[in-house]
PDB file of N, CA and C in Angstrom:
ATOM      1  N   MET A   1       2.690   9.466   5.071  1.00  0.00           N
ATOM      2  CA  MET A   1       3.464   8.387   4.515  1.00  0.00           C
ATOM      3  C   MET A   1       4.581   8.062   5.489  1.00  0.00           C
ATOM      4  N   ILE A   2       4.788   6.778   5.713  1.00  0.00           N
ATOM      5  CA  ILE A   2       5.877   6.305   6.549  1.00  0.00           C
ATOM      6  C   ILE A   2       6.844   5.575   5.631  1.00  0.00           C
ATOM      7  N   SER A   3       8.102   5.942   5.654  1.00  0.00           N
ATOM      8  CA  SER A   3       9.077   5.251   4.821  1.00  0.00           C
ATOM      9  C   SER A   3      10.338   4.971   5.624  1.00  0.00           C
ATOM     10  N   GLY A   4      11.055   3.957   5.211  1.00  0.00           N
ATOM     11  CA  GLY A   4      12.288   3.576   5.877  1.00  0.00           C
ATOM     12  C   GLY A   4      12.734   2.216   5.403  1.00  0.00           C
ATOM     13  N   ALA A   5      13.905   1.821   5.812  1.00  0.00           N
ATOM     14  CA  ALA A   5      14.467   0.525   5.439  1.00  0.00           C
ATOM     15  C   ALA A   5      13.662  -0.598   6.089  1.00  0.00           C
ATOM     16  N   PRO A   6      13.779  -1.814   5.543  1.00  0.00           N
ATOM     17  CA  PRO A   6      13.110  -2.946   6.175  1.00  0.00           C
ATOM     18  C   PRO A   6      13.520  -3.066   7.650  1.00  0.00           C
ATOM     19  N   ALA A   7      12.555  -3.379   8.480  1.00  0.00           N
ATOM     20  CA  ALA A   7      12.758  -3.574   9.927  1.00  0.00           C
ATOM     21  C   ALA A   7      13.230  -2.311  10.642  1.00  0.00           C
ATOM     22  N   SER A   8      12.923  -1.140  10.077  1.00  0.00           N
ATOM     23  CA  SER A   8      13.343   0.112  10.705  1.00  0.00           C
ATOM     24  C   SER A   8      12.306   0.676  11.672  1.00  0.00           C
ATOM     25  N   GLY A   9      11.161  -0.007  11.799  1.00  0.00           N
ATOM     26  CA  GLY A   9      10.151   0.437  12.745  1.00  0.00           C
ATOM     27  C   GLY A   9       8.962   1.151  12.127  1.00  0.00           C
ATOM     28  N   LYS A  10       8.794   1.047  10.813  1.00  0.00           N
ATOM     29  CA  LYS A  10       7.662   1.718  10.146  1.00  0.00           C
ATOM     30  C   LYS A  10       6.327   1.242  10.718  1.00  0.00           C
ATOM     31  N   GLY A  11       6.176  -0.077  10.832  1.00  0.00           N
ATOM     32  CA  GLY A  11       4.930  -0.622  11.350  1.00  0.00           C
ATOM     33  C   GLY A  11       4.656  -0.173  12.772  1.00  0.00           C
ATOM     34  N   THR A  12       5.696  -0.135  13.588  1.00  0.00           N
ATOM     35  CA  THR A  12       5.553   0.310  14.979  1.00  0.00           C
ATOM     36  C   THR A  12       5.108   1.761  15.033  1.00  0.00           C
ATOM     37  N   GLN A  13       5.724   2.610  14.240  1.00  0.00           N
ATOM     38  CA  GLN A  13       5.343   4.023  14.209  1.00  0.00           C
ATOM     39  C   GLN A  13       3.906   4.182  13.720  1.00  0.00           C
ATOM     40  N   CYS A  14       3.530   3.395  12.710  1.00  0.00           N
ATOM     41  CA  CYS A  14       2.159   3.456  12.209  1.00  0.00           C
ATOM     42  C   CYS A  14       1.160   3.085  13.308  1.00  0.00           C
ATOM     43  N   GLU A  15       1.465   2.037  14.068  1.00  0.00           N
ATOM     44  CA  GLU A  15       0.575   1.635  15.157  1.00  0.00           C
ATOM     45  C   GLU A  15       0.381   2.766  16.163  1.00  0.00           C
ATOM     46  N   LEU A  16       1.452   3.457  16.488  1.00  0.00           N
ATOM     47  CA  LEU A  16       1.361   4.565  17.447  1.00  0.00           C
ATOM     48  C   LEU A  16       0.513   5.710  16.891  1.00  0.00           C
ATOM     49  N   ILE A  17       0.705   6.023  15.628  1.00  0.00           N
ATOM     50  CA  ILE A  17      -0.058   7.106  14.997  1.00  0.00           C
ATOM     51  C   ILE A  17      -1.534   6.731  14.905  1.00  0.00           C
ATOM     52  N   VAL A  18      -1.814   5.484  14.539  1.00  0.00           N
ATOM     53  CA  VAL A  18      -3.199   5.014  14.451  1.00  0.00           C
ATOM     54  C   VAL A  18      -3.889   5.140  15.805  1.00  0.00           C
ATOM     55  N   LYS A  19      -3.202   4.722  16.863  1.00  0.00           N
ATOM     56  CA  LYS A  19      -3.777   4.815  18.206  1.00  0.00           C
ATOM     57  C   LYS A  19      -4.041   6.261  18.607  1.00  0.00           C
ATOM     58  N   LYS A  20      -3.122   7.142  18.271  1.00  0.00           N
ATOM     59  CA  LYS A  20      -3.256   8.538  18.698  1.00  0.00           C
ATOM     60  C   LYS A  20      -4.273   9.314  17.870  1.00  0.00           C
ATOM     61  N   PHE A  21      -4.296   9.097  16.549  1.00  0.00           N
ATOM     62  CA  PHE A  21      -5.118   9.933  15.678  1.00  0.00           C
ATOM     63  C   PHE A  21      -6.288   9.208  15.005  1.00  0.00           C
ATOM     64  N   GLY A  22      -6.371   7.900  15.177  1.00  0.00           N
ATOM     65  CA  GLY A  22      -7.483   7.157  14.590  1.00  0.00           C
ATOM     66  C   GLY A  22      -7.414   7.013  13.087  1.00  0.00           C
ATOM     67  N   SER A  23      -6.232   7.062  12.529  1.00  0.00           N
ATOM     68  CA  SER A  23      -6.095   6.897  11.085  1.00  0.00           C
ATOM     69  C   SER A  23      -6.056   5.417  10.720  1.00  0.00           C
ATOM     70  N   VAL A  24      -5.980   5.115   9.429  1.00  0.00           N
ATOM     71  CA  VAL A  24      -5.928   3.750   8.935  1.00  0.00           C
ATOM     72  C   VAL A  24      -4.514   3.466   8.444  1.00  0.00           C
ATOM     73  N   HIS A  25      -3.973   2.332   8.873  1.00  0.00           N
ATOM     74  CA  HIS A  25      -2.628   1.904   8.486  1.00  0.00           C
ATOM     75  C   HIS A  25      -2.765   0.966   7.295  1.00  0.00           C
ATOM     76  N   ILE A  26      -2.154   1.329   6.177  1.00  0.00           N
ATOM     77  CA  ILE A  26      -2.209   0.504   4.977  1.00  0.00           C
ATOM     78  C   ILE A  26      -0.800   0.054   4.636  1.00  0.00           C
ATOM     79  N   SER A  27      -0.543  -1.229   4.854  1.00  0.00           N
ATOM     80  CA  SER A  27       0.744  -1.825   4.522  1.00  0.00           C
ATOM     81  C   SER A  27       0.622  -2.476   3.153  1.00  0.00           C
ATOM     82  N   THR A  28       1.467  -2.076   2.214  1.00  0.00           N
ATOM     83  CA  THR A  28       1.375  -2.664   0.882  1.00  0.00           C
ATOM     84  C   THR A  28       1.723  -4.148   0.914  1.00  0.00           C
ATOM     85  N   GLY A  29       2.614  -4.547   1.814  1.00  0.00           N
ATOM     86  CA  GLY A  29       2.933  -5.967   1.944  1.00  0.00           C
ATOM     87  C   GLY A  29       1.711  -6.758   2.384  1.00  0.00           C
ATOM     88  N   ASP A  30       1.006  -6.235   3.393  1.00  0.00           N
ATOM     89  CA  ASP A  30      -0.215  -6.888   3.864  1.00  0.00           C
ATOM     90  C   ASP A  30      -1.280  -6.898   2.768  1.00  0.00           C
ATOM     91  N   LEU A  31      -1.374  -5.791   2.039  1.00  0.00           N
ATOM     92  CA  LEU A  31      -2.357  -5.685   0.964  1.00  0.00           C
ATOM     93  C   LEU A  31      -2.065  -6.714  -0.129  1.00  0.00           C
ATOM     94  N   LEU A  32      -0.795  -6.852  -0.509  1.00  0.00           N
ATOM     95  CA  LEU A  32      -0.411  -7.840  -1.515  1.00  0.00           C
ATOM     96  C   LEU A  32      -0.776  -9.252  -1.063  1.00  0.00           C
ATOM     97  N   ARG A  33      -0.423  -9.593   0.179  1.00  0.00           N
ATOM     98  CA  ARG A  33      -0.716 -10.928   0.688  1.00  0.00           C
ATOM     99  C   ARG A  33      -2.223 -11.192   0.751  1.00  0.00           C
ATOM    100  N   ALA A  34      -3.005 -10.175   1.121  1.00  0.00           N
ATOM    101  CA  ALA A  34      -4.456 -10.327   1.188  1.00  0.00           C
ATOM    102  C   ALA A  34      -5.055 -10.561  -0.201  1.00  0.00           C
ATOM    103  N   GLU A  35      -4.585  -9.825  -1.189  1.00  0.00           N
ATOM    104  CA  GLU A  35      -5.091  -9.987  -2.556  1.00  0.00           C
ATOM    105  C   GLU A  35      -4.738 -11.364  -3.110  1.00  0.00           C
ATOM    106  N   VAL A  36      -3.521 -11.823  -2.835  1.00  0.00           N
ATOM    107  CA  VAL A  36      -3.100 -13.157  -3.278  1.00  0.00           C
ATOM    108  C   VAL A  36      -3.947 -14.216  -2.586  1.00  0.00           C
ATOM    109  N   SER A  37      -4.126 -14.064  -1.285  1.00  0.00           N
ATOM    110  CA  SER A  37      -4.911 -15.031  -0.499  1.00  0.00           C
ATOM    111  C   SER A  37      -6.357 -15.089  -0.970  1.00  0.00           C
ATOM    112  N   ALA A  38      -6.911 -13.938  -1.346  1.00  0.00           N
ATOM    113  CA  ALA A  38      -8.302 -13.886  -1.812  1.00  0.00           C
ATOM    114  C   ALA A  38      -8.447 -14.412  -3.239  1.00  0.00           C
ATOM    115  N   GLY A  39      -7.332 -14.581  -3.936  1.00  0.00           N
ATOM    116  CA  GLY A  39      -7.384 -15.102  -5.296  1.00  0.00           C
ATOM    117  C   GLY A  39      -7.959 -14.140  -6.305  1.00  0.00           C
ATOM    118  N   THR A  40      -7.835 -12.835  -6.035  1.00  0.00           N
ATOM    119  CA  THR A  40      -8.349 -11.841  -6.975  1.00  0.00           C
ATOM    120  C   THR A  40      -7.504 -11.840  -8.243  1.00  0.00           C
ATOM    121  N   GLU A  41      -8.032 -11.262  -9.276  1.00  0.00           N
ATOM    122  CA  GLU A  41      -7.304 -11.194 -10.550  1.00  0.00           C
ATOM    123  C   GLU A  41      -5.958 -10.484 -10.359  1.00  0.00           C
ATOM    124  N   ILE A  42      -5.998  -9.359  -9.679  1.00  0.00           N
ATOM    125  CA  ILE A  42      -4.757  -8.605  -9.485  1.00  0.00           C
ATOM    126  C   ILE A  42      -3.828  -9.336  -8.505  1.00  0.00           C
ATOM    127  N   GLY A  43      -4.416 -10.045  -7.545  1.00  0.00           N
ATOM    128  CA  GLY A  43      -3.624 -10.845  -6.629  1.00  0.00           C
ATOM    129  C   GLY A  43      -2.903 -11.969  -7.348  1.00  0.00           C
ATOM    130  N   ASN A  44      -3.570 -12.582  -8.306  1.00  0.00           N
ATOM    131  CA  ASN A  44      -2.942 -13.647  -9.090  1.00  0.00           C
ATOM    132  C   ASN A  44      -1.790 -13.117  -9.938  1.00  0.00           C
ATOM    133  N   LYS A  45      -1.953 -11.895 -10.458  1.00  0.00           N
ATOM    134  CA  LYS A  45      -0.856 -11.274 -11.206  1.00  0.00           C
ATOM    135  C   LYS A  45       0.348 -11.034 -10.289  1.00  0.00           C
ATOM    136  N   ALA A  46       0.062 -10.514  -9.104  1.00  0.00           N
ATOM    137  CA  ALA A  46       1.131 -10.247  -8.135  1.00  0.00           C
ATOM    138  C   ALA A  46       1.812 -11.539  -7.712  1.00  0.00           C
ATOM    139  N   LYS A  47       1.034 -12.596  -7.548  1.00  0.00           N
ATOM    140  CA  LYS A  47       1.565 -13.885  -7.088  1.00  0.00           C
ATOM    141  C   LYS A  47       2.638 -14.420  -8.024  1.00  0.00           C
ATOM    142  N   GLU A  48       2.456 -14.206  -9.338  1.00  0.00           N
ATOM    143  CA  GLU A  48       3.449 -14.658 -10.310  1.00  0.00           C
ATOM    144  C   GLU A  48       4.819 -14.051 -10.002  1.00  0.00           C
ATOM    145  N   PHE A  49       4.836 -12.773  -9.691  1.00  0.00           N
ATOM    146  CA  PHE A  49       6.097 -12.097  -9.381  1.00  0.00           C
ATOM    147  C   PHE A  49       6.633 -12.530  -8.021  1.00  0.00           C
ATOM    148  N   MET A  50       5.741 -12.635  -7.050  1.00  0.00           N
ATOM    149  CA  MET A  50       6.154 -13.017  -5.704  1.00  0.00           C
ATOM    150  C   MET A  50       6.723 -14.432  -5.681  1.00  0.00           C
ATOM    151  N   ASN A  51       6.109 -15.361  -6.409  1.00  0.00           N
ATOM    152  CA  ASN A  51       6.608 -16.737  -6.463  1.00  0.00           C
ATOM    153  C   ASN A  51       7.956 -16.836  -7.157  1.00  0.00           C
ATOM    154  N   ALA A  52       8.233 -15.888  -8.035  1.00  0.00           N
ATOM    155  CA  ALA A  52       9.520 -15.853  -8.734  1.00  0.00           C
ATOM    156  C   ALA A  52      10.546 -15.016  -7.974  1.00  0.00           C
ATOM    157  N   ALA A  53      10.196 -14.596  -6.745  1.00  0.00           N
ATOM    158  CA  ALA A  53      11.069 -13.757  -5.904  1.00  0.00           C
ATOM    159  C   ALA A  53      11.461 -12.470  -6.616  1.00  0.00           C
ATOM    160  N   ARG A  54      10.494 -11.913  -7.350  1.00  0.00           N
ATOM    161  CA  ARG A  54      10.708 -10.644  -8.054  1.00  0.00           C
ATOM    162  C   ARG A  54       9.818  -9.585  -7.429  1.00  0.00           C
ATOM    163  N   LEU A  55      10.213  -8.334  -7.574  1.00  0.00           N
ATOM    164  CA  LEU A  55       9.388  -7.227  -7.092  1.00  0.00           C
ATOM    165  C   LEU A  55       8.105  -7.156  -7.915  1.00  0.00           C
ATOM    166  N   VAL A  56       7.017  -6.907  -7.239  1.00  0.00           N
ATOM    167  CA  VAL A  56       5.740  -6.726  -7.926  1.00  0.00           C
ATOM    168  C   VAL A  56       5.792  -5.360  -8.609  1.00  0.00           C
ATOM    169  N   PRO A  57       5.478  -5.295  -9.902  1.00  0.00           N
ATOM    170  CA  PRO A  57       5.568  -4.030 -10.631  1.00  0.00           C
ATOM    171  C   PRO A  57       4.703  -2.925 -10.028  1.00  0.00           C
ATOM    172  N   ASP A  58       5.173  -1.696 -10.210  1.00  0.00           N
ATOM    173  CA  ASP A  58       4.464  -0.520  -9.702  1.00  0.00           C
ATOM    174  C   ASP A  58       2.999  -0.509 -10.120  1.00  0.00           C
ATOM    175  N   GLU A  59       2.733  -0.864 -11.367  1.00  0.00           N
ATOM    176  CA  GLU A  59       1.369  -0.790 -11.883  1.00  0.00           C
ATOM    177  C   GLU A  59       0.416  -1.660 -11.062  1.00  0.00           C
ATOM    178  N   ILE A  60       0.897  -2.837 -10.650  1.00  0.00           N
ATOM    179  CA  ILE A  60       0.048  -3.752  -9.888  1.00  0.00           C
ATOM    180  C   ILE A  60      -0.209  -3.211  -8.487  1.00  0.00           C
ATOM    181  N   VAL A  61       0.848  -2.764  -7.816  1.00  0.00           N
ATOM    182  CA  VAL A  61       0.687  -2.249  -6.459  1.00  0.00           C
ATOM    183  C   VAL A  61      -0.163  -0.980  -6.468  1.00  0.00           C
ATOM    184  N   THR A  62       0.068  -0.110  -7.427  1.00  0.00           N
ATOM    185  CA  THR A  62      -0.721   1.119  -7.530  1.00  0.00           C
ATOM    186  C   THR A  62      -2.187   0.790  -7.784  1.00  0.00           C
ATOM    187  N   ALA A  63      -2.452  -0.201  -8.622  1.00  0.00           N
ATOM    188  CA  ALA A  63      -3.834  -0.596  -8.893  1.00  0.00           C
ATOM    189  C   ALA A  63      -4.509  -1.118  -7.624  1.00  0.00           C
ATOM    190  N   MET A  64      -3.780  -1.880  -6.807  1.00  0.00           N
ATOM    191  CA  MET A  64      -4.341  -2.379  -5.549  1.00  0.00           C
ATOM    192  C   MET A  64      -4.675  -1.231  -4.609  1.00  0.00           C
ATOM    193  N   LEU A  65      -3.756  -0.286  -4.490  1.00  0.00           N
ATOM    194  CA  LEU A  65      -3.991   0.872  -3.624  1.00  0.00           C
ATOM    195  C   LEU A  65      -5.156   1.702  -4.136  1.00  0.00           C
ATOM    196  N   THR A  66      -5.194   1.920  -5.433  1.00  0.00           N
ATOM    197  CA  THR A  66      -6.262   2.716  -6.027  1.00  0.00           C
ATOM    198  C   THR A  66      -7.613   2.080  -5.748  1.00  0.00           C
ATOM    199  N   SER A  67      -7.678   0.768  -5.889  1.00  0.00           N
ATOM    200  CA  SER A  67      -8.928   0.053  -5.628  1.00  0.00           C
ATOM    201  C   SER A  67      -9.344   0.207  -4.166  1.00  0.00           C
ATOM    202  N   LEU A  68      -8.408  -0.004  -3.258  1.00  0.00           N
ATOM    203  CA  LEU A  68      -8.714   0.107  -1.830  1.00  0.00           C
ATOM    204  C   LEU A  68      -9.131   1.519  -1.455  1.00  0.00           C
ATOM    205  N   LEU A  69      -8.394   2.501  -1.927  1.00  0.00           N
ATOM    206  CA  LEU A  69      -8.635   3.882  -1.515  1.00  0.00           C
ATOM    207  C   LEU A  69      -9.783   4.532  -2.267  1.00  0.00           C
ATOM    208  N   SER A  70     -10.368   3.831  -3.208  1.00  0.00           N
ATOM    209  CA  SER A  70     -11.517   4.390  -3.916  1.00  0.00           C
ATOM    210  C   SER A  70     -12.821   4.109  -3.180  1.00  0.00           C
ATOM    211  N   TYR A  71     -12.784   3.193  -2.198  1.00  0.00           N
ATOM    212  CA  TYR A  71     -13.989   2.929  -1.410  1.00  0.00           C
ATOM    213  C   TYR A  71     -14.339   4.176  -0.604  1.00  0.00           C
ATOM    214  N   ASP A  72     -15.628   4.458  -0.490  1.00  0.00           N
ATOM    215  CA  ASP A  72     -16.080   5.656   0.195  1.00  0.00           C
ATOM    216  C   ASP A  72     -15.583   5.755   1.627  1.00  0.00           C
ATOM    217  N   ASP A  73     -15.558   4.624   2.347  1.00  0.00           N
ATOM    218  CA  ASP A  73     -15.117   4.693   3.741  1.00  0.00           C
ATOM    219  C   ASP A  73     -13.646   5.073   3.843  1.00  0.00           C
ATOM    220  N   GLU A  74     -12.840   4.670   2.879  1.00  0.00           N
ATOM    221  CA  GLU A  74     -11.424   5.032   2.902  1.00  0.00           C
ATOM    222  C   GLU A  74     -11.218   6.488   2.469  1.00  0.00           C
ATOM    223  N   LYS A  75     -12.097   6.985   1.607  1.00  0.00           N
ATOM    224  CA  LYS A  75     -11.973   8.370   1.155  1.00  0.00           C
ATOM    225  C   LYS A  75     -12.195   9.348   2.303  1.00  0.00           C
ATOM    226  N   GLU A  76     -13.003   8.956   3.263  1.00  0.00           N
ATOM    227  CA  GLU A  76     -13.353   9.832   4.374  1.00  0.00           C
ATOM    228  C   GLU A  76     -12.415   9.677   5.563  1.00  0.00           C
ATOM    229  N   THR A  77     -11.349   8.908   5.419  1.00  0.00           N
ATOM    230  CA  THR A  77     -10.473   8.571   6.524  1.00  0.00           C
ATOM    231  C   THR A  77      -9.045   9.015   6.240  1.00  0.00           C
ATOM    232  N   TRP A  78      -8.345   9.397   7.286  1.00  0.00           N
ATOM    233  CA  TRP A  78      -6.906   9.631   7.156  1.00  0.00           C
ATOM    234  C   TRP A  78      -6.239   8.274   7.062  1.00  0.00           C
ATOM    235  N   TRP A  79      -5.241   8.122   6.194  1.00  0.00           N
ATOM    236  CA  TRP A  79      -4.558   6.846   6.101  1.00  0.00           C
ATOM    237  C   TRP A  79      -3.058   7.045   5.973  1.00  0.00           C
ATOM    238  N   LEU A  80      -2.343   6.036   6.434  1.00  0.00           N
ATOM    239  CA  LEU A  80      -0.882   6.012   6.369  1.00  0.00           C
ATOM    240  C   LEU A  80      -0.447   4.910   5.426  1.00  0.00           C
ATOM    241  N   LEU A  81       0.437   5.217   4.516  1.00  0.00           N
ATOM    242  CA  LEU A  81       0.970   4.199   3.618  1.00  0.00           C
ATOM    243  C   LEU A  81       2.286   3.686   4.176  1.00  0.00           C
ATOM    244  N   ASP A  82       2.377   2.393   4.351  1.00  0.00           N
ATOM    245  CA  ASP A  82       3.562   1.728   4.880  1.00  0.00           C
ATOM    246  C   ASP A  82       4.142   0.864   3.761  1.00  0.00           C
ATOM    247  N   GLY A  83       5.312   1.222   3.286  1.00  0.00           N
ATOM    248  CA  GLY A  83       5.949   0.444   2.231  1.00  0.00           C
ATOM    249  C   GLY A  83       5.672   0.955   0.829  1.00  0.00           C
ATOM    250  N   TYR A  84       5.085   2.109   0.742  1.00  0.00           N
ATOM    251  CA  TYR A  84       4.777   2.698  -0.567  1.00  0.00           C
ATOM    252  C   TYR A  84       4.622   4.194  -0.389  1.00  0.00           C
ATOM    253  N   PRO A  85       5.165   5.012  -1.222  1.00  0.00           N
ATOM    254  CA  PRO A  85       5.962   4.704  -2.397  1.00  0.00           C
ATOM    255  C   PRO A  85       7.430   4.414  -2.044  1.00  0.00           C
ATOM    256  N   HIS A  86       8.036   3.602  -2.891  1.00  0.00           N
ATOM    257  CA  HIS A  86       9.462   3.281  -2.755  1.00  0.00           C
ATOM    258  C   HIS A  86      10.311   4.083  -3.722  1.00  0.00           C
ATOM    259  N   SER A  87       9.678   4.702  -4.681  1.00  0.00           N
ATOM    260  CA  SER A  87      10.427   5.425  -5.711  1.00  0.00           C
ATOM    261  C   SER A  87       9.681   6.690  -6.105  1.00  0.00           C
ATOM    262  N   SER A  88      10.389   7.546  -6.810  1.00  0.00           N
ATOM    263  CA  SER A  88       9.737   8.774  -7.274  1.00  0.00           C
ATOM    264  C   SER A  88       8.628   8.448  -8.280  1.00  0.00           C
ATOM    265  N   ALA A  89       8.803   7.385  -9.067  1.00  0.00           N
ATOM    266  CA  ALA A  89       7.758   6.994 -10.030  1.00  0.00           C
ATOM    267  C   ALA A  89       6.481   6.591  -9.304  1.00  0.00           C
ATOM    268  N   GLN A  90       6.620   5.870  -8.184  1.00  0.00           N
ATOM    269  CA  GLN A  90       5.447   5.491  -7.407  1.00  0.00           C
ATOM    270  C   GLN A  90       4.788   6.713  -6.784  1.00  0.00           C
ATOM    271  N   ALA A  91       5.598   7.631  -6.276  1.00  0.00           N
ATOM    272  CA  ALA A  91       5.045   8.866  -5.693  1.00  0.00           C
ATOM    273  C   ALA A  91       4.309   9.672  -6.757  1.00  0.00           C
ATOM    274  N   GLU A  92       4.878   9.738  -7.952  1.00  0.00           N
ATOM    275  CA  GLU A  92       4.241  10.473  -9.043  1.00  0.00           C
ATOM    276  C   GLU A  92       2.917   9.831  -9.441  1.00  0.00           C
ATOM    277  N   SER A  93       2.853   8.500  -9.375  1.00  0.00           N
ATOM    278  CA  SER A  93       1.593   7.834  -9.730  1.00  0.00           C
ATOM    279  C   SER A  93       0.500   8.191  -8.729  1.00  0.00           C
ATOM    280  N   LEU A  94       0.860   8.328  -7.453  1.00  0.00           N
ATOM    281  CA  LEU A  94      -0.120   8.758  -6.453  1.00  0.00           C
ATOM    282  C   LEU A  94      -0.581  10.183  -6.724  1.00  0.00           C
ATOM    283  N   GLU A  95       0.353  11.024  -7.112  1.00  0.00           N
ATOM    284  CA  GLU A  95       0.013  12.413  -7.435  1.00  0.00           C
ATOM    285  C   GLU A  95      -0.941  12.487  -8.621  1.00  0.00           C
ATOM    286  N   LYS A  96      -0.641  11.705  -9.656  1.00  0.00           N
ATOM    287  CA  LYS A  96      -1.484  11.707 -10.848  1.00  0.00           C
ATOM    288  C   LYS A  96      -2.909  11.233 -10.546  1.00  0.00           C
ATOM    289  N   LEU A  97      -3.036  10.367  -9.554  1.00  0.00           N
ATOM    290  CA  LEU A  97      -4.346   9.848  -9.173  1.00  0.00           C
ATOM    291  C   LEU A  97      -5.026  10.724  -8.116  1.00  0.00           C
ATOM    292  N   ASN A  98      -4.424  11.874  -7.821  1.00  0.00           N
ATOM    293  CA  ASN A  98      -4.941  12.805  -6.805  1.00  0.00           C
ATOM    294  C   ASN A  98      -5.087  12.143  -5.431  1.00  0.00           C
ATOM    295  N   MET A  99      -4.121  11.322  -5.080  1.00  0.00           N
ATOM    296  CA  MET A  99      -4.145  10.642  -3.797  1.00  0.00           C
ATOM    297  C   MET A  99      -3.192  11.269  -2.785  1.00  0.00           C
ATOM    298  N   CYS A 100      -2.663  12.407  -3.117  1.00  0.00           N
ATOM    299  CA  CYS A 100      -1.755  13.118  -2.194  1.00  0.00           C
ATOM    300  C   CYS A 100      -2.370  14.461  -1.845  1.00  0.00           C
ATOM    301  N   TRP A 101      -2.164  14.862  -0.606  1.00  0.00           N
ATOM    302  CA  TRP A 101      -2.655  16.171  -0.168  1.00  0.00           C
ATOM    303  C   TRP A 101      -1.466  17.049   0.101  1.00  0.00           C
TER     304      TRP A 101
END
């Protein structure tokens, strides 16, 4: 997990780690934008909050991550989370879903 303040270099560090170890970089911001762009049901839910300049609720972001990380190819890969978790509640949700090692 990579965490830090906005513009603190999380994405840059992720790129370096991906190059060195061949892991997958998962940015929740990129994931949110992709889901909205694809017009998925969960993306449309997120869009309502994003258009209102509100934070997307934990449940929505966690559901997006759960969906992505449930694919077999992602299960077999090391991955880095960029921008998630932001809170202990988000970290606990990952633990409950057995997504932490």
